[in-house]
N, C-alpha and C. Protein backbone atom coordinates (compact mmCIF):
# COMPACT_ATOMS: atom_id res chain seq x y z
N MET A 1 72.58 6.08 -14.64
CA MET A 1 72.72 7.32 -15.38
C MET A 1 72.21 8.51 -14.57
N GLN A 2 71.02 8.32 -13.94
CA GLN A 2 70.47 9.41 -13.13
C GLN A 2 71.34 9.68 -11.91
N GLU A 3 71.96 8.62 -11.38
CA GLU A 3 72.85 8.79 -10.23
C GLU A 3 74.04 9.67 -10.63
N LYS A 4 74.57 9.42 -11.83
CA LYS A 4 75.71 10.21 -12.31
C LYS A 4 75.30 11.67 -12.51
N ILE A 5 74.11 11.91 -13.03
CA ILE A 5 73.62 13.28 -13.23
C ILE A 5 73.45 13.95 -11.87
N ALA A 6 72.89 13.23 -10.91
CA ALA A 6 72.69 13.78 -9.56
C ALA A 6 74.03 14.09 -8.91
N ALA A 7 75.02 13.19 -9.09
CA ALA A 7 76.35 13.42 -8.52
C ALA A 7 77.01 14.62 -9.17
N ASP A 8 76.87 14.76 -10.49
CA ASP A 8 77.44 15.92 -11.19
C ASP A 8 76.79 17.22 -10.71
N LYS A 9 75.45 17.17 -10.52
CA LYS A 9 74.73 18.36 -10.06
C LYS A 9 75.19 18.73 -8.65
N THR A 10 75.36 17.74 -7.78
CA THR A 10 75.82 17.99 -6.41
C THR A 10 77.22 18.58 -6.42
N ALA A 11 78.11 18.04 -7.25
CA ALA A 11 79.48 18.56 -7.35
C ALA A 11 79.47 19.99 -7.87
N THR A 12 78.61 20.27 -8.84
CA THR A 12 78.50 21.63 -9.39
C THR A 12 77.98 22.59 -8.33
N ASP A 13 76.96 22.16 -7.57
CA ASP A 13 76.42 22.99 -6.50
C ASP A 13 77.49 23.28 -5.44
N ARG A 14 78.25 22.25 -5.08
CA ARG A 14 79.30 22.40 -4.06
C ARG A 14 80.37 23.37 -4.55
N THR A 15 80.74 23.28 -5.82
CA THR A 15 81.73 24.20 -6.40
C THR A 15 81.21 25.64 -6.37
N ALA A 16 79.93 25.82 -6.70
CA ALA A 16 79.34 27.16 -6.68
C ALA A 16 79.33 27.72 -5.27
N ILE A 17 79.00 26.88 -4.28
CA ILE A 17 79.01 27.31 -2.88
C ILE A 17 80.42 27.67 -2.45
N ASP A 18 81.40 26.84 -2.84
CA ASP A 18 82.80 27.13 -2.48
C ASP A 18 83.24 28.46 -3.09
N ARG A 19 82.88 28.70 -4.33
CA ARG A 19 83.25 29.95 -4.99
C ARG A 19 82.59 31.13 -4.28
N THR A 20 81.31 30.98 -3.94
CA THR A 20 80.59 32.03 -3.22
C THR A 20 81.22 32.27 -1.86
N ALA A 21 81.57 31.19 -1.17
CA ALA A 21 82.18 31.31 0.16
C ALA A 21 83.53 32.02 0.10
N LYS A 22 84.32 31.71 -0.92
CA LYS A 22 85.63 32.37 -1.07
C LYS A 22 85.47 33.87 -1.31
N LYS A 23 84.53 34.23 -2.18
CA LYS A 23 84.29 35.65 -2.45
C LYS A 23 83.78 36.35 -1.19
N TRP A 24 82.87 35.68 -0.49
CA TRP A 24 82.29 36.24 0.74
C TRP A 24 83.38 36.43 1.79
N LEU A 25 84.25 35.43 1.95
CA LEU A 25 85.33 35.51 2.94
C LEU A 25 86.30 36.64 2.58
N LYS A 26 86.62 36.78 1.31
CA LYS A 26 87.52 37.86 0.89
C LYS A 26 86.92 39.22 1.23
N ALA A 27 85.62 39.37 0.96
CA ALA A 27 84.95 40.64 1.28
C ALA A 27 84.94 40.88 2.79
N ARG A 28 84.74 39.81 3.58
CA ARG A 28 84.73 39.96 5.04
C ARG A 28 86.12 40.28 5.58
N ARG A 29 87.14 39.71 4.97
CA ARG A 29 88.51 40.01 5.39
C ARG A 29 88.81 41.49 5.15
N GLU A 30 88.41 41.98 3.98
CA GLU A 30 88.62 43.40 3.67
C GLU A 30 87.83 44.29 4.63
N ARG A 31 86.60 43.88 4.94
CA ARG A 31 85.78 44.65 5.88
C ARG A 31 86.43 44.67 7.26
N ALA A 32 86.94 43.53 7.70
CA ALA A 32 87.60 43.45 9.02
C ALA A 32 88.80 44.38 9.07
N PHE A 33 89.61 44.38 8.03
CA PHE A 33 90.78 45.26 8.01
C PHE A 33 90.37 46.73 8.01
N ARG A 34 89.32 47.06 7.26
CA ARG A 34 88.84 48.45 7.26
C ARG A 34 88.35 48.86 8.64
N LEU A 35 87.57 47.98 9.28
CA LEU A 35 87.04 48.29 10.61
C LEU A 35 88.16 48.47 11.62
N LEU A 36 89.14 47.56 11.59
CA LEU A 36 90.24 47.63 12.55
C LEU A 36 91.20 48.77 12.25
N ALA A 37 91.27 49.20 11.00
CA ALA A 37 92.11 50.35 10.68
C ALA A 37 91.49 51.64 11.20
N ALA A 38 90.17 51.69 11.23
CA ALA A 38 89.47 52.90 11.69
C ALA A 38 89.61 53.06 13.20
N ARG A 39 89.43 51.97 13.96
CA ARG A 39 89.56 52.00 15.42
C ARG A 39 89.57 50.57 15.93
N GLU A 40 89.96 50.41 17.19
CA GLU A 40 89.92 49.08 17.79
C GLU A 40 88.47 48.64 17.91
N GLN A 41 88.24 47.35 17.76
CA GLN A 41 86.91 46.77 17.87
C GLN A 41 86.96 45.66 18.92
N SER A 42 85.90 45.52 19.70
CA SER A 42 85.84 44.38 20.61
C SER A 42 85.57 43.13 19.77
N LEU A 43 85.90 41.99 20.32
CA LEU A 43 85.69 40.73 19.61
C LEU A 43 84.22 40.55 19.26
N HIS A 44 83.35 40.81 20.23
CA HIS A 44 81.90 40.68 20.01
C HIS A 44 81.42 41.64 18.92
N GLU A 45 81.85 42.88 19.01
CA GLU A 45 81.45 43.91 18.05
C GLU A 45 81.91 43.55 16.63
N LEU A 46 83.15 43.09 16.51
CA LEU A 46 83.69 42.72 15.21
C LEU A 46 82.94 41.53 14.62
N ARG A 47 82.66 40.53 15.44
CA ARG A 47 81.92 39.35 14.96
C ARG A 47 80.54 39.77 14.45
N GLU A 48 79.85 40.62 15.20
CA GLU A 48 78.51 41.07 14.78
C GLU A 48 78.58 41.82 13.45
N LYS A 49 79.55 42.69 13.31
CA LYS A 49 79.67 43.48 12.08
C LYS A 49 80.03 42.61 10.89
N LEU A 50 80.85 41.58 11.11
CA LEU A 50 81.24 40.71 10.00
C LEU A 50 80.11 39.78 9.57
N LEU A 51 79.25 39.40 10.51
CA LEU A 51 78.14 38.51 10.17
C LEU A 51 76.96 39.26 9.55
N LYS A 52 76.91 40.57 9.75
CA LYS A 52 75.80 41.35 9.22
C LYS A 52 75.91 41.41 7.70
N PRO A 53 74.83 41.04 6.99
CA PRO A 53 74.89 41.05 5.53
C PRO A 53 74.93 42.47 4.97
N THR A 54 75.62 42.62 3.86
CA THR A 54 75.69 43.92 3.19
C THR A 54 74.38 44.15 2.42
N SER A 55 74.18 45.35 1.95
CA SER A 55 72.96 45.65 1.19
C SER A 55 72.92 44.84 -0.11
N ALA A 56 74.07 44.61 -0.72
CA ALA A 56 74.12 43.80 -1.95
C ALA A 56 73.72 42.36 -1.65
N GLU A 57 74.14 41.85 -0.50
CA GLU A 57 73.78 40.48 -0.13
C GLU A 57 72.30 40.37 0.21
N LEU A 58 71.74 41.41 0.80
CA LEU A 58 70.30 41.41 1.08
C LEU A 58 69.50 41.44 -0.22
N ALA A 59 70.00 42.18 -1.20
CA ALA A 59 69.32 42.28 -2.49
C ALA A 59 69.42 40.98 -3.28
N ASP A 60 70.55 40.28 -3.16
CA ASP A 60 70.76 39.04 -3.90
C ASP A 60 71.29 37.96 -2.95
N PRO A 61 70.39 37.19 -2.33
CA PRO A 61 70.82 36.18 -1.35
C PRO A 61 71.74 35.10 -1.93
N GLN A 62 71.82 34.99 -3.25
CA GLN A 62 72.71 34.01 -3.87
C GLN A 62 74.18 34.35 -3.62
N LYS A 63 74.46 35.60 -3.25
CA LYS A 63 75.83 36.03 -3.00
C LYS A 63 76.32 35.65 -1.60
N THR A 64 75.44 35.04 -0.82
CA THR A 64 75.78 34.70 0.55
C THR A 64 75.77 33.19 0.73
N PRO A 65 76.83 32.63 1.32
CA PRO A 65 76.82 31.20 1.63
C PRO A 65 75.81 30.90 2.75
N PRO A 66 75.53 29.64 3.01
CA PRO A 66 74.61 29.29 4.10
C PRO A 66 75.09 29.87 5.44
N THR A 67 74.15 30.12 6.35
CA THR A 67 74.45 30.76 7.63
C THR A 67 75.52 30.02 8.42
N SER A 68 75.43 28.70 8.47
CA SER A 68 76.43 27.94 9.24
C SER A 68 77.83 28.11 8.63
N THR A 69 77.89 28.18 7.31
CA THR A 69 79.17 28.41 6.63
C THR A 69 79.69 29.80 6.95
N CYS A 70 78.80 30.80 6.94
CA CYS A 70 79.21 32.17 7.26
C CYS A 70 79.80 32.24 8.66
N GLN A 71 79.14 31.62 9.63
CA GLN A 71 79.63 31.65 11.01
C GLN A 71 80.99 30.97 11.12
N ALA A 72 81.15 29.85 10.44
CA ALA A 72 82.43 29.14 10.48
C ALA A 72 83.54 29.97 9.84
N LEU A 73 83.22 30.62 8.73
CA LEU A 73 84.22 31.45 8.05
C LEU A 73 84.61 32.66 8.90
N VAL A 74 83.63 33.28 9.54
CA VAL A 74 83.92 34.43 10.41
C VAL A 74 84.77 33.97 11.60
N ASP A 75 84.46 32.80 12.16
CA ASP A 75 85.27 32.28 13.27
C ASP A 75 86.71 32.05 12.83
N GLN A 76 86.90 31.51 11.62
CA GLN A 76 88.26 31.31 11.10
C GLN A 76 88.97 32.65 10.92
N LEU A 77 88.26 33.63 10.39
CA LEU A 77 88.84 34.96 10.17
C LEU A 77 89.23 35.60 11.51
N ILE A 78 88.37 35.48 12.50
CA ILE A 78 88.66 36.06 13.82
C ILE A 78 89.84 35.35 14.46
N ASP A 79 89.92 34.03 14.30
CA ASP A 79 91.09 33.30 14.82
C ASP A 79 92.37 33.82 14.17
N PHE A 80 92.33 34.07 12.87
CA PHE A 80 93.48 34.62 12.16
C PHE A 80 93.85 36.00 12.72
N LEU A 81 92.85 36.85 12.92
CA LEU A 81 93.10 38.20 13.44
C LEU A 81 93.70 38.16 14.85
N LEU A 82 93.19 37.26 15.67
CA LEU A 82 93.72 37.12 17.04
C LEU A 82 95.14 36.57 17.02
N GLU A 83 95.36 35.57 16.18
CA GLU A 83 96.68 34.94 16.08
C GLU A 83 97.75 35.94 15.66
N HIS A 84 97.39 36.86 14.79
CA HIS A 84 98.35 37.85 14.29
C HIS A 84 98.25 39.17 15.06
N ASP A 85 97.56 39.15 16.19
CA ASP A 85 97.42 40.31 17.08
C ASP A 85 96.86 41.53 16.36
N LEU A 86 95.96 41.30 15.42
CA LEU A 86 95.32 42.40 14.71
C LEU A 86 94.07 42.88 15.46
N GLN A 87 93.51 41.99 16.27
CA GLN A 87 92.38 42.35 17.13
C GLN A 87 92.78 41.99 18.55
N SER A 88 92.53 42.91 19.48
CA SER A 88 92.88 42.67 20.87
C SER A 88 91.86 43.35 21.76
N ASP A 89 91.21 42.57 22.62
CA ASP A 89 90.27 43.16 23.57
C ASP A 89 91.00 44.03 24.58
N GLU A 90 92.25 43.72 24.88
CA GLU A 90 93.01 44.56 25.82
C GLU A 90 93.22 45.96 25.23
N ARG A 91 93.59 46.03 23.97
CA ARG A 91 93.75 47.34 23.33
C ARG A 91 92.41 48.06 23.25
N PHE A 92 91.34 47.29 22.98
CA PHE A 92 90.02 47.90 22.92
C PHE A 92 89.63 48.49 24.28
N ILE A 93 89.90 47.75 25.35
CA ILE A 93 89.59 48.24 26.70
C ILE A 93 90.37 49.51 26.99
N ASP A 94 91.63 49.55 26.62
CA ASP A 94 92.44 50.76 26.83
C ASP A 94 91.84 51.95 26.08
N ASP A 95 91.49 51.73 24.82
CA ASP A 95 90.91 52.82 24.02
C ASP A 95 89.57 53.29 24.59
N LEU A 96 88.72 52.34 24.96
CA LEU A 96 87.41 52.68 25.51
C LEU A 96 87.57 53.44 26.83
N SER A 97 88.50 52.99 27.67
CA SER A 97 88.74 53.65 28.95
C SER A 97 89.24 55.07 28.73
N ASN A 98 90.18 55.25 27.83
CA ASN A 98 90.70 56.59 27.54
C ASN A 98 89.59 57.51 27.02
N LYS A 99 88.74 56.97 26.17
CA LYS A 99 87.62 57.76 25.64
C LYS A 99 86.70 58.21 26.77
N PHE A 100 86.35 57.28 27.67
CA PHE A 100 85.45 57.62 28.76
C PHE A 100 86.10 58.60 29.73
N LEU A 101 87.39 58.44 29.98
CA LEU A 101 88.09 59.37 30.88
C LEU A 101 88.13 60.77 30.27
N ARG A 102 88.38 60.87 28.97
CA ARG A 102 88.37 62.18 28.31
C ARG A 102 87.00 62.83 28.38
N GLN A 103 85.95 62.01 28.35
CA GLN A 103 84.58 62.53 28.39
C GLN A 103 84.13 62.85 29.82
N GLY A 104 84.97 62.57 30.81
CA GLY A 104 84.62 62.87 32.19
C GLY A 104 83.66 61.86 32.80
N LYS A 105 83.74 60.62 32.37
CA LYS A 105 82.85 59.57 32.88
C LYS A 105 83.50 58.86 34.07
N GLY A 106 82.66 58.25 34.89
CA GLY A 106 83.12 57.54 36.07
C GLY A 106 83.12 56.03 35.88
N PRO A 107 83.42 55.30 36.96
CA PRO A 107 83.56 53.84 36.86
C PRO A 107 82.27 53.11 36.52
N ILE A 108 81.13 53.62 36.94
CA ILE A 108 79.87 52.95 36.63
C ILE A 108 79.60 53.04 35.12
N ALA A 109 79.83 54.20 34.54
CA ALA A 109 79.65 54.36 33.09
C ALA A 109 80.63 53.47 32.33
N LEU A 110 81.84 53.38 32.85
CA LEU A 110 82.86 52.54 32.20
C LEU A 110 82.46 51.07 32.25
N LYS A 111 81.95 50.61 33.39
CA LYS A 111 81.50 49.22 33.50
C LYS A 111 80.36 48.94 32.53
N GLN A 112 79.46 49.89 32.37
CA GLN A 112 78.36 49.71 31.42
C GLN A 112 78.89 49.61 29.99
N GLY A 113 79.90 50.40 29.67
CA GLY A 113 80.52 50.31 28.34
C GLY A 113 81.17 48.96 28.12
N TYR A 114 81.85 48.46 29.14
CA TYR A 114 82.47 47.14 29.04
C TYR A 114 81.40 46.06 28.86
N TYR A 115 80.32 46.17 29.62
CA TYR A 115 79.23 45.19 29.54
C TYR A 115 78.60 45.21 28.15
N GLN A 116 78.39 46.39 27.62
CA GLN A 116 77.77 46.54 26.30
C GLN A 116 78.59 45.82 25.22
N HIS A 117 79.91 45.83 25.37
CA HIS A 117 80.78 45.21 24.37
C HIS A 117 81.11 43.76 24.71
N GLN A 118 80.49 43.23 25.76
CA GLN A 118 80.63 41.83 26.16
C GLN A 118 82.09 41.41 26.29
N LEU A 119 82.82 42.17 27.07
CA LEU A 119 84.24 41.87 27.28
C LEU A 119 84.41 40.86 28.39
N GLU A 120 85.49 40.12 28.34
CA GLU A 120 85.78 39.07 29.31
C GLU A 120 85.88 39.67 30.72
N ALA A 121 85.19 39.04 31.68
CA ALA A 121 85.09 39.58 33.04
C ALA A 121 86.45 39.75 33.72
N SER A 122 87.34 38.78 33.58
CA SER A 122 88.64 38.88 34.25
C SER A 122 89.47 40.03 33.67
N LEU A 123 89.36 40.25 32.39
CA LEU A 123 90.06 41.36 31.75
C LEU A 123 89.51 42.70 32.24
N VAL A 124 88.20 42.79 32.35
CA VAL A 124 87.54 44.00 32.85
C VAL A 124 87.96 44.27 34.29
N TYR A 125 87.93 43.24 35.12
CA TYR A 125 88.28 43.40 36.54
C TYR A 125 89.71 43.92 36.68
N ARG A 126 90.65 43.31 35.96
CA ARG A 126 92.05 43.75 36.02
C ARG A 126 92.19 45.21 35.60
N HIS A 127 91.49 45.57 34.54
CA HIS A 127 91.61 46.93 34.04
C HIS A 127 91.00 47.94 35.01
N LEU A 128 89.84 47.60 35.59
CA LEU A 128 89.23 48.50 36.56
C LEU A 128 90.13 48.68 37.79
N GLN A 129 90.80 47.61 38.20
CA GLN A 129 91.73 47.71 39.33
C GLN A 129 92.87 48.66 39.00
N SER A 130 93.34 48.63 37.77
CA SER A 130 94.45 49.50 37.39
C SER A 130 94.03 50.97 37.32
N LEU A 131 92.74 51.24 37.19
CA LEU A 131 92.25 52.62 37.12
C LEU A 131 91.77 53.16 38.46
N GLU A 132 91.77 52.32 39.48
CA GLU A 132 91.19 52.69 40.78
C GLU A 132 91.76 54.00 41.32
N HIS A 133 93.03 54.23 41.16
CA HIS A 133 93.67 55.43 41.71
C HIS A 133 93.25 56.72 40.99
N LEU A 134 92.63 56.61 39.83
CA LEU A 134 92.26 57.80 39.04
C LEU A 134 90.90 58.39 39.39
N TRP A 135 90.02 57.62 40.05
CA TRP A 135 88.63 58.05 40.17
C TRP A 135 88.46 59.31 41.01
N TYR A 136 89.23 59.45 42.09
CA TYR A 136 89.10 60.66 42.90
C TYR A 136 89.50 61.89 42.08
N LEU A 137 90.61 61.79 41.37
CA LEU A 137 91.05 62.92 40.53
C LEU A 137 90.03 63.22 39.43
N GLN A 138 89.47 62.17 38.87
CA GLN A 138 88.50 62.33 37.79
C GLN A 138 87.23 63.03 38.29
N VAL A 139 86.69 62.58 39.42
CA VAL A 139 85.45 63.18 39.92
C VAL A 139 85.69 64.64 40.32
N MET A 140 86.86 64.94 40.88
CA MET A 140 87.17 66.32 41.26
C MET A 140 87.32 67.20 40.01
N ARG A 141 87.96 66.67 38.99
CA ARG A 141 88.15 67.43 37.75
C ARG A 141 86.80 67.74 37.10
N VAL A 142 85.92 66.74 37.05
CA VAL A 142 84.60 66.92 36.43
C VAL A 142 83.77 67.92 37.23
N ARG A 143 83.80 67.79 38.56
CA ARG A 143 83.05 68.71 39.42
C ARG A 143 83.53 70.14 39.24
N GLU A 144 84.84 70.33 39.26
CA GLU A 144 85.39 71.69 39.14
C GLU A 144 85.14 72.30 37.76
N LYS A 145 85.17 71.47 36.75
CA LYS A 145 84.91 71.98 35.40
C LYS A 145 83.48 72.49 35.29
N ARG A 146 82.56 71.78 35.89
CA ARG A 146 81.13 72.13 35.77
C ARG A 146 80.70 73.19 36.79
N PHE A 147 81.18 73.05 38.04
CA PHE A 147 80.66 73.89 39.13
C PHE A 147 81.70 74.82 39.76
N GLY A 148 82.94 74.74 39.34
CA GLY A 148 83.98 75.54 39.97
C GLY A 148 84.50 74.85 41.23
N ASP A 149 85.44 75.49 41.92
CA ASP A 149 86.03 74.83 43.09
C ASP A 149 85.46 75.32 44.41
N GLN A 150 84.42 76.16 44.36
CA GLN A 150 83.77 76.64 45.58
C GLN A 150 82.84 75.56 46.13
N PRO A 151 82.74 75.43 47.45
CA PRO A 151 81.80 74.46 48.02
C PRO A 151 80.36 74.88 47.71
N PRO A 152 79.44 73.93 47.69
CA PRO A 152 78.05 74.27 47.39
C PRO A 152 77.48 75.20 48.47
N ALA A 153 76.68 76.17 48.03
CA ALA A 153 76.15 77.17 48.95
C ALA A 153 74.90 76.69 49.68
N ASN A 154 74.15 75.78 49.06
CA ASN A 154 72.90 75.33 49.69
C ASN A 154 72.55 73.91 49.21
N GLN A 155 71.43 73.42 49.72
CA GLN A 155 70.98 72.06 49.38
C GLN A 155 70.69 71.91 47.89
N ARG A 156 70.17 72.95 47.29
CA ARG A 156 69.85 72.90 45.86
C ARG A 156 71.10 72.64 45.04
N GLU A 157 72.18 73.33 45.34
CA GLU A 157 73.44 73.13 44.62
C GLU A 157 74.02 71.75 44.89
N ILE A 158 73.86 71.27 46.12
CA ILE A 158 74.32 69.91 46.45
C ILE A 158 73.56 68.90 45.58
N GLY A 159 72.25 69.06 45.48
CA GLY A 159 71.43 68.17 44.66
C GLY A 159 71.83 68.20 43.19
N GLN A 160 72.09 69.41 42.69
CA GLN A 160 72.52 69.54 41.29
C GLN A 160 73.83 68.80 41.06
N MET A 161 74.77 68.98 41.98
CA MET A 161 76.07 68.31 41.84
C MET A 161 75.91 66.80 41.90
N GLN A 162 75.09 66.33 42.85
CA GLN A 162 74.89 64.89 42.99
C GLN A 162 74.29 64.29 41.73
N ARG A 163 73.26 64.91 41.20
CA ARG A 163 72.62 64.39 39.98
C ARG A 163 73.58 64.40 38.80
N PHE A 164 74.30 65.49 38.63
CA PHE A 164 75.22 65.60 37.51
C PHE A 164 76.31 64.53 37.58
N LEU A 165 76.92 64.38 38.74
CA LEU A 165 78.01 63.40 38.88
C LEU A 165 77.49 61.97 38.78
N ALA A 166 76.26 61.73 39.28
CA ALA A 166 75.67 60.39 39.15
C ALA A 166 75.41 60.07 37.68
N GLN A 167 74.95 61.07 36.92
CA GLN A 167 74.71 60.85 35.49
C GLN A 167 76.01 60.58 34.75
N ARG A 168 77.10 61.07 35.27
CA ARG A 168 78.42 60.84 34.66
C ARG A 168 78.98 59.47 35.03
N GLY A 169 78.31 58.75 35.93
CA GLY A 169 78.74 57.39 36.25
C GLY A 169 79.66 57.26 37.44
N PHE A 170 79.60 58.20 38.39
CA PHE A 170 80.41 58.09 39.59
C PHE A 170 79.62 57.43 40.70
N THR A 171 80.32 56.79 41.62
CA THR A 171 79.69 56.10 42.75
C THR A 171 79.26 57.13 43.80
N PRO A 172 78.31 56.77 44.67
CA PRO A 172 77.89 57.70 45.73
C PRO A 172 79.05 58.16 46.62
N SER A 173 79.97 57.27 46.95
CA SER A 173 81.09 57.68 47.81
C SER A 173 82.01 58.67 47.08
N GLN A 174 82.22 58.47 45.80
CA GLN A 174 83.03 59.41 45.02
C GLN A 174 82.34 60.77 44.92
N ILE A 175 81.03 60.75 44.79
CA ILE A 175 80.26 62.00 44.71
C ILE A 175 80.36 62.75 46.03
N ARG A 176 80.21 62.04 47.15
CA ARG A 176 80.35 62.68 48.47
C ARG A 176 81.73 63.30 48.62
N GLN A 177 82.76 62.57 48.20
CA GLN A 177 84.12 63.10 48.29
C GLN A 177 84.27 64.39 47.49
N ALA A 178 83.69 64.40 46.30
CA ALA A 178 83.83 65.57 45.43
C ALA A 178 83.07 66.78 45.97
N ILE A 179 81.88 66.53 46.52
CA ILE A 179 81.05 67.65 46.99
C ILE A 179 81.58 68.20 48.31
N PHE A 180 81.86 67.31 49.23
CA PHE A 180 82.26 67.75 50.57
C PHE A 180 83.77 67.74 50.74
N GLN A 181 84.49 67.32 49.71
CA GLN A 181 85.95 67.29 49.67
C GLN A 181 86.54 66.66 50.93
N ASP A 182 86.07 65.43 51.18
CA ASP A 182 86.55 64.66 52.35
C ASP A 182 88.03 64.39 52.24
């Protein structure tokens, strides 16, 4: 008799967990669509945001399935998004690169952005290779916007240009090209 009661209680608990997991997954699916509709997200960034509990879940932990279940459900959701091409690290890299180029950033800053979002190394390498021809034009554009097209008059101006362009994420050779217009 007690075994039957224990089995019924276990089945009831499992049903409650399944119901909670379904509601949680539905909320995460909606959150994923909202996030991806706003802008492209890296795979790492999206996973972190989907696993982060909402304020309602923090207030009432009963609304959240066990951690291992949450991770498995998020992995399933991400697989679905990838399968249907709703999330793409390639599109994210393109968007991030365009953003950095508009902001006047150089390749070092771009690499740091890629690293921060934990993007696949081979994808990053290919994309950086495709942008290689832009860096000279970019460093010249940034230099001229900030300092004009006149050569530096003295060492102080050279130092200012070097620091500014280095802070923008350009390499030393690109900075030399921009300052001395090799």
